[in-house]
Amino acid sequence: MSRLIDGGELTRFAAGSRLFAAGGAEPSFSLALDWARSVAGSGVELVAAGEPAPDALCVAVSLVGSTTALGEQLPRGEEPVRAVRALERRLGERAQAVVALNLAAENALIPFIAAAGLGVPLVDGDGSGRVFPLVEQTTYALGGVRPAPLALAGASGELLVLEPAAGRVEELLRPVVLSVGGWAVAACYPMAARDLARVAVPGTVSLLLEAGTPGAPRSAAVPYGVRTLCTGRILAVEGSTGHGADLALPSLPSSIVVRESHGLRRLVRLEAHNEIILALADGAVEAMAPDQICMISTSDGMVVDVDTAEPGLEVEIMVVEAAPVWHTEEGLALGGLHAFGIPL
């Protein structure tokens, strides 16, 4: 059954979208939320992936590039609609619904903005069930849907349609995004609704609406479960040695060392490459990608980004279980340790 995300629901949706979102900056998130409120009108219809007609064209919409850049180079406001319209012109077909790549912070709000501007529903689901750094790291790709052709709309009026070969999307996308100011809106993964219903992680928008309700537990945002690894104090943050600089990822490796505050008082080491991908407690593996490993500040409950972690900070280490498809052979190849440059 469809439902309407109006102004009040949008506030809850936005709150839920931040519960496990790393890498976001407050100015850019506030900008995206104000942007979404300005176009919400009477609301956006939320539908299950199976509700549109089987042949209906569905398009994934996402922010690509730096959220910090979004806060510095302000949008004109029409970027999500322009990106989708450009993709429609390339395909010769109108989009009937919009879906998210992932639902973390700004990436949750941009699809809402697109749906409002286009006058089409937002699909209750996404292509991750958690967050991965690359456009090609999605359950859509695991299901055989190609991200290209994709369209990019930049804040200075740029509009580009790209058709990179399989496996080269990120290689070509990142320099283009940098050249248009560090961020853009992408319309990608065009697919029929029947395929979207097969490859999307379902119900994740509804989960964020529930989790964003005051008093709801953080775990309400997670479709497949979450556990606490430990609570402790950051002892050290070790920068990159340069290893992995040739990988198609937006950052270099780093390590964060946390001393457990209670119980066994283990020494927990978090290995990061754009995000935390491996957690070891006294040398024993406790969690790894494709599951999502988050540091939550005990002082304000916000996710601590790898780039802002510093000694002395008290954090809770939480592990978000990935969708089952990520634990298949294909899923591990795309989103497991090897995909982040750690050989198995």
Protein backbone atom coordinates (compact mmCIF):
# COMPACT_ATOMS: atom_id res chain seq x y z
CA MET A 1 0.00 0.00 0.00
CA SER A 2 1.36 3.44 -0.95
CA ARG A 3 1.73 6.24 1.58
CA LEU A 4 2.50 9.94 1.37
CA ILE A 5 5.73 11.45 2.70
CA ASP A 6 4.64 14.97 3.62
CA GLY A 7 6.48 17.63 5.60
CA GLY A 8 6.17 15.87 8.96
CA GLU A 9 7.16 12.51 7.52
CA LEU A 10 10.09 14.15 5.74
CA THR A 11 11.48 15.30 9.09
CA ARG A 12 11.35 11.73 10.41
CA PHE A 13 12.81 10.36 7.18
CA ALA A 14 15.72 12.78 7.39
CA ALA A 15 16.39 11.92 11.04
CA GLY A 16 16.39 8.21 10.26
CA SER A 17 18.73 8.70 7.31
CA ARG A 18 21.52 9.99 9.60
CA LEU A 19 21.56 7.17 12.12
CA PHE A 20 24.22 5.13 10.31
CA ALA A 21 25.48 7.70 7.80
CA ALA A 22 29.19 8.48 7.82
CA GLY A 23 30.94 11.18 5.83
CA GLY A 24 28.17 13.77 5.97
CA ALA A 25 28.72 17.40 6.94
CA GLU A 26 26.10 19.35 8.87
CA PRO A 27 25.95 22.32 6.46
CA SER A 28 25.39 20.11 3.42
CA PHE A 29 22.80 17.95 5.17
CA SER A 30 20.88 21.00 6.39
CA LEU A 31 21.01 22.42 2.87
CA ALA A 32 19.66 19.18 1.39
CA LEU A 33 16.88 19.02 3.97
CA ASP A 34 15.85 22.63 3.34
CA TRP A 35 15.94 21.87 -0.38
CA ALA A 36 13.68 18.84 0.11
CA ARG A 37 11.24 20.84 2.24
CA SER A 38 11.07 23.57 -0.39
CA VAL A 39 9.87 21.14 -3.08
CA ALA A 40 7.82 18.73 -0.95
CA GLY A 41 4.49 20.40 -1.71
CA SER A 42 1.67 18.16 -0.56
CA GLY A 43 4.06 15.23 -0.34
CA VAL A 44 5.70 12.46 -2.35
CA GLU A 45 4.03 9.09 -2.83
CA LEU A 46 5.98 6.15 -1.44
CA VAL A 47 5.37 2.86 -3.24
CA ALA A 48 6.70 -0.67 -3.06
CA ALA A 49 8.94 -1.75 -5.94
CA GLY A 50 6.24 -4.06 -7.22
CA GLU A 51 3.51 -1.41 -7.43
CA PRO A 52 4.39 0.35 -10.72
CA ALA A 53 3.53 -1.46 -13.94
CA PRO A 54 6.10 -4.20 -14.67
CA ASP A 55 7.45 -2.34 -17.72
CA ALA A 56 7.56 1.07 -16.00
CA LEU A 57 10.96 2.76 -16.19
CA CYS A 58 12.54 3.31 -12.77
CA VAL A 59 15.69 5.39 -12.28
CA ALA A 60 18.12 5.54 -9.38
CA VAL A 61 19.06 9.08 -8.30
CA SER A 62 21.92 10.00 -6.01
CA LEU A 63 24.38 12.68 -5.02
CA VAL A 64 27.86 11.81 -6.29
CA GLY A 65 31.08 13.42 -5.14
CA SER A 66 31.71 15.40 -1.97
CA THR A 67 29.00 16.41 0.47
CA THR A 68 31.35 19.18 1.65
CA ALA A 69 31.44 20.53 -1.90
CA LEU A 70 27.62 20.58 -1.91
CA GLY A 71 27.71 22.95 1.05
CA GLU A 72 30.25 25.18 -0.67
CA GLN A 73 28.88 25.26 -4.23
CA LEU A 74 25.16 25.66 -3.80
CA PRO A 75 22.70 23.90 -6.10
CA ARG A 76 20.51 25.81 -8.49
CA GLY A 77 17.67 23.50 -7.45
CA GLU A 78 16.82 21.74 -10.69
CA GLU A 79 19.78 19.32 -10.80
CA PRO A 80 17.86 16.11 -9.91
CA VAL A 81 15.14 16.79 -12.47
CA ARG A 82 17.65 17.79 -15.16
CA ALA A 83 19.66 14.61 -14.63
CA VAL A 84 16.60 12.38 -14.96
CA ARG A 85 15.30 14.28 -17.99
CA ALA A 86 18.66 13.88 -19.71
CA LEU A 87 18.60 10.15 -19.10
CA GLU A 88 15.02 9.99 -20.38
CA ARG A 89 16.07 11.71 -23.60
CA ARG A 90 18.87 9.19 -24.06
CA LEU A 91 16.47 6.26 -23.48
CA GLY A 92 13.49 7.70 -25.32
CA GLU A 93 11.21 6.92 -22.38
CA ARG A 94 9.77 8.70 -19.34
CA ALA A 95 10.67 7.60 -15.83
CA GLN A 96 7.69 6.41 -13.82
CA ALA A 97 9.42 6.14 -10.41
CA VAL A 98 12.61 7.14 -8.61
CA VAL A 99 14.68 4.98 -6.26
CA ALA A 100 17.79 5.60 -4.14
CA LEU A 101 21.26 4.12 -4.54
CA ASN A 102 21.55 4.21 -0.76
CA LEU A 103 19.69 6.00 1.99
CA ALA A 104 22.41 7.76 3.95
CA ALA A 105 21.81 11.43 4.76
CA GLU A 106 21.89 13.54 1.57
CA ASN A 107 21.64 10.40 -0.58
CA ALA A 108 18.22 9.78 0.95
CA LEU A 109 16.99 13.32 0.34
CA ILE A 110 18.14 13.78 -3.27
CA PRO A 111 15.85 11.00 -4.61
CA PHE A 112 12.96 12.55 -2.66
CA ILE A 113 13.73 15.91 -4.30
CA ALA A 114 13.83 14.23 -7.72
CA ALA A 115 10.51 12.45 -7.16
CA ALA A 116 8.86 15.69 -6.01
CA GLY A 117 10.16 17.64 -8.99
CA LEU A 118 9.20 14.98 -11.50
CA GLY A 119 5.82 14.25 -9.94
CA VAL A 120 6.51 10.51 -9.70
CA PRO A 121 6.58 8.11 -6.72
CA LEU A 122 9.60 7.27 -4.59
CA VAL A 123 10.22 3.53 -4.31
CA ASP A 124 10.38 2.06 -0.81
CA GLY A 125 13.81 0.47 -1.08
CA ASP A 126 17.37 1.12 -2.19
CA GLY A 127 20.33 -0.51 -3.86
CA SER A 128 22.44 -1.21 -0.82
CA GLY A 129 20.71 -1.88 2.51
CA ARG A 130 23.76 -0.09 3.92
CA VAL A 131 26.28 2.29 2.33
CA PHE A 132 29.14 1.57 -0.07
CA PRO A 133 31.43 4.25 -1.53
CA LEU A 134 31.24 3.35 -5.22
CA VAL A 135 28.35 3.74 -7.67
CA GLU A 136 28.91 0.18 -8.90
CA GLN A 137 28.71 -1.33 -5.40
CA THR A 138 24.96 -1.97 -5.38
CA THR A 139 22.50 -4.81 -5.23
CA TYR A 140 21.31 -3.52 -8.60
CA ALA A 141 24.70 -4.42 -10.09
CA LEU A 142 24.66 -7.78 -8.29
CA GLY A 143 21.31 -8.44 -9.96
CA GLY A 144 22.73 -7.78 -13.43
CA VAL A 145 21.49 -4.20 -13.92
CA ARG A 146 24.07 -1.85 -15.45
CA PRO A 147 24.54 1.65 -13.98
CA ALA A 148 24.95 3.15 -17.45
CA PRO A 149 23.85 5.04 -19.35
CA LEU A 150 23.92 7.61 -16.60
CA ALA A 151 23.35 11.35 -16.61
CA LEU A 152 25.07 13.95 -14.43
CA ALA A 153 23.79 17.43 -13.60
CA GLY A 154 26.24 19.87 -12.01
CA ALA A 155 25.62 23.01 -10.00
CA SER A 156 26.98 25.34 -12.70
CA GLY A 157 24.57 24.09 -15.34
CA GLU A 158 26.64 21.21 -16.71
CA LEU A 159 24.76 18.23 -18.08
CA LEU A 160 26.55 15.09 -19.24
CA VAL A 161 25.47 11.63 -20.33
CA LEU A 162 28.09 8.90 -19.86
CA GLU A 163 28.14 5.34 -21.14
CA PRO A 164 31.31 3.83 -19.67
CA ALA A 165 32.16 0.19 -20.17
CA ALA A 166 31.37 -2.25 -17.38
CA GLY A 167 33.74 -1.81 -14.47
CA ARG A 168 34.91 1.66 -15.55
CA VAL A 169 32.10 3.80 -14.16
CA GLU A 170 34.00 5.09 -11.14
CA GLU A 171 37.20 5.57 -13.12
CA LEU A 172 35.47 7.95 -15.52
CA LEU A 173 32.91 9.42 -13.14
CA ARG A 174 35.21 10.80 -10.45
CA PRO A 175 37.31 13.15 -12.63
CA VAL A 176 34.16 14.42 -14.33
CA VAL A 177 32.55 15.19 -10.95
CA LEU A 178 35.69 17.00 -9.81
CA SER A 179 35.67 19.07 -12.97
CA VAL A 180 32.11 20.30 -12.37
CA GLY A 181 32.79 21.48 -8.83
CA GLY A 182 33.14 18.37 -6.68
CA TRP A 183 29.53 17.20 -6.65
CA ALA A 184 26.72 16.41 -9.05
CA VAL A 185 23.40 14.60 -9.14
CA ALA A 186 23.45 11.29 -11.01
CA ALA A 187 20.52 9.53 -12.64
CA CYS A 188 21.56 5.94 -13.29
CA TYR A 189 20.60 2.26 -13.25
CA PRO A 190 17.61 2.64 -15.58
CA MET A 191 15.49 -0.50 -15.22
CA ALA A 192 11.98 -1.85 -15.51
CA ALA A 193 9.95 -2.05 -12.32
CA ARG A 194 9.92 -5.86 -12.55
CA ASP A 195 13.73 -5.83 -12.36
CA LEU A 196 13.78 -3.28 -9.56
CA ALA A 197 11.49 -5.49 -7.48
CA ARG A 198 13.99 -8.31 -7.97
CA VAL A 199 17.22 -6.44 -7.14
CA ALA A 200 16.30 -3.74 -4.59
CA VAL A 201 16.60 -4.08 -0.83
CA PRO A 202 12.92 -3.60 0.03
CA GLY A 203 11.23 -1.48 2.67
CA THR A 204 14.24 0.59 3.71
CA VAL A 205 12.53 3.99 3.36
CA SER A 206 9.76 2.82 5.69
CA LEU A 207 12.39 1.66 8.17
CA LEU A 208 14.01 5.10 8.23
CA LEU A 209 10.62 6.74 8.74
CA GLU A 210 10.09 4.50 11.75
CA ALA A 211 13.60 4.96 13.11
CA GLY A 212 13.37 8.74 12.79
CA THR A 213 10.41 8.88 15.15
CA PRO A 214 11.46 10.40 18.51
CA GLY A 215 12.16 7.64 21.02
CA ALA A 216 12.57 4.90 18.41
CA PRO A 217 15.64 2.69 18.82
CA ARG A 218 18.53 3.16 16.40
CA SER A 219 18.18 -0.49 15.42
CA ALA A 220 14.80 0.28 13.80
CA ALA A 221 16.70 1.73 10.82
CA VAL A 222 18.43 -1.55 10.02
CA PRO A 223 16.76 -4.18 7.81
CA TYR A 224 18.96 -7.16 8.71
CA GLY A 225 20.14 -6.54 12.27
CA VAL A 226 22.77 -4.63 14.20
CA ARG A 227 25.08 -5.48 17.10
CA THR A 228 27.40 -3.55 19.38
CA LEU A 229 31.01 -4.69 19.20
CA CYS A 230 32.27 -2.52 22.07
CA THR A 231 32.27 0.89 23.70
CA GLY A 232 35.62 2.57 24.24
CA ARG A 233 37.98 5.49 23.83
CA ILE A 234 39.99 6.19 20.69
CA LEU A 235 43.69 5.87 21.53
CA ALA A 236 45.28 6.56 18.16
CA VAL A 237 44.53 7.40 14.55
CA GLU A 238 47.16 6.28 12.10
CA GLY A 239 47.31 7.81 8.63
CA SER A 240 47.86 6.15 5.30
CA THR A 241 51.18 4.60 4.34
CA GLY A 242 50.26 5.13 0.70
CA HIS A 243 49.33 1.49 0.14
CA GLY A 244 46.32 1.19 -2.10
CA ALA A 245 46.70 4.59 -3.72
CA ASP A 246 46.09 3.00 -7.11
CA LEU A 247 42.71 1.59 -6.12
CA ALA A 248 39.49 3.04 -7.49
CA LEU A 249 38.43 4.41 -4.10
CA PRO A 250 38.07 8.02 -2.96
CA SER A 251 40.52 7.72 -0.04
CA LEU A 252 43.64 5.98 1.25
CA PRO A 253 43.90 3.43 4.08
CA SER A 254 44.05 4.41 7.74
CA SER A 255 43.73 2.71 11.13
CA ILE A 256 41.91 3.65 14.33
CA VAL A 257 42.79 2.06 17.67
CA VAL A 258 40.13 1.91 20.40
CA ARG A 259 40.52 0.70 24.00
CA GLU A 260 37.39 -1.08 25.24
CA SER A 261 36.04 0.66 28.34
CA HIS A 262 34.44 -2.32 30.07
CA GLY A 263 34.61 -6.09 30.27
CA LEU A 264 37.76 -7.56 28.76
CA ARG A 265 39.11 -4.08 27.93
CA ARG A 266 40.27 -5.35 24.57
CA LEU A 267 42.32 -3.34 22.12
CA VAL A 268 40.15 -2.91 19.04
CA ARG A 269 41.78 -1.97 15.75
CA LEU A 270 39.62 -0.57 12.96
CA GLU A 271 41.07 -0.69 9.45
CA ALA A 272 39.54 1.89 7.15
CA HIS A 273 39.60 2.65 3.43
CA ASN A 274 37.02 5.36 2.83
CA GLU A 275 34.99 3.52 5.50
CA ILE A 276 35.78 1.03 8.24
CA ILE A 277 36.11 -2.35 6.57
CA LEU A 278 37.71 -4.56 9.23
CA ALA A 279 37.52 -4.72 13.04
CA LEU A 280 39.94 -6.79 15.10
CA ALA A 281 39.79 -7.20 18.90
CA ASP A 282 43.13 -8.26 20.43
CA GLY A 283 44.06 -9.49 16.95
CA ALA A 284 40.92 -11.60 16.39
CA VAL A 285 38.57 -10.68 13.55
CA GLU A 286 35.24 -9.41 14.93
CA ALA A 287 33.62 -7.86 11.86
CA MET A 288 34.40 -7.09 8.23
CA ALA A 289 32.94 -5.80 4.99
CA PRO A 290 30.44 -6.27 3.47
CA ASP A 291 28.87 -5.66 6.91
CA GLN A 292 28.99 -1.96 7.80
CA ILE A 293 31.12 -0.97 10.81
CA CYS A 294 30.27 2.38 12.41
CA MET A 295 31.69 4.51 15.19
CA ILE A 296 28.90 6.26 17.10
CA SER A 297 29.83 9.16 19.38
CA THR A 298 28.59 8.47 22.91
CA SER A 299 28.24 12.21 23.53
CA ASP A 300 25.80 13.13 20.75
CA GLY A 301 24.83 9.83 19.10
CA MET A 302 26.15 10.89 15.70
CA VAL A 303 28.26 8.71 13.42
CA VAL A 304 31.96 9.61 13.62
CA ASP A 305 33.53 9.81 10.19
CA VAL A 306 36.90 8.16 9.65
CA ASP A 307 38.39 11.52 8.66
CA THR A 308 37.22 13.23 11.87
CA ALA A 309 38.16 10.52 14.39
CA GLU A 310 40.63 11.73 17.00
CA PRO A 311 42.25 10.38 20.18
CA GLY A 312 40.20 10.77 23.33
CA LEU A 313 36.81 10.47 21.68
CA GLU A 314 34.41 8.00 23.33
CA VAL A 315 32.66 5.84 20.77
CA GLU A 316 30.38 2.84 20.45
CA ILE A 317 31.38 0.47 17.66
CA MET A 318 28.29 -0.94 15.94
CA VAL A 319 28.08 -3.51 13.16
CA VAL A 320 25.21 -3.32 10.67
CA GLU A 321 24.50 -6.65 9.01
CA ALA A 322 24.52 -6.47 5.22
CA ALA A 323 21.74 -7.86 3.05
CA PRO A 324 22.14 -11.61 2.40
CA VAL A 325 23.05 -11.00 -1.25
CA TRP A 326 26.26 -9.28 -0.10
CA HIS A 327 27.40 -12.53 1.51
CA THR A 328 27.22 -14.51 -1.72
CA GLU A 329 30.36 -15.13 -3.76
CA GLU A 330 29.45 -12.29 -6.12
CA GLY A 331 28.55 -9.98 -3.25
CA LEU A 332 31.84 -10.57 -1.45
CA ALA A 333 33.75 -9.89 -4.66
CA LEU A 334 31.98 -6.55 -5.09
CA GLY A 335 31.70 -5.42 -1.47
CA GLY A 336 33.98 -7.61 0.66
CA LEU A 337 37.55 -7.02 1.83
CA HIS A 338 39.09 -7.76 -1.55
CA ALA A 339 37.07 -4.92 -3.11
CA PHE A 340 38.74 -2.52 -0.66
CA GLY A 341 42.27 -3.72 -1.42
CA ILE A 342 42.74 -6.31 1.33
CA PRO A 343 43.62 -9.70 -0.23
CA LEU A 344 41.79 -12.72 1.17
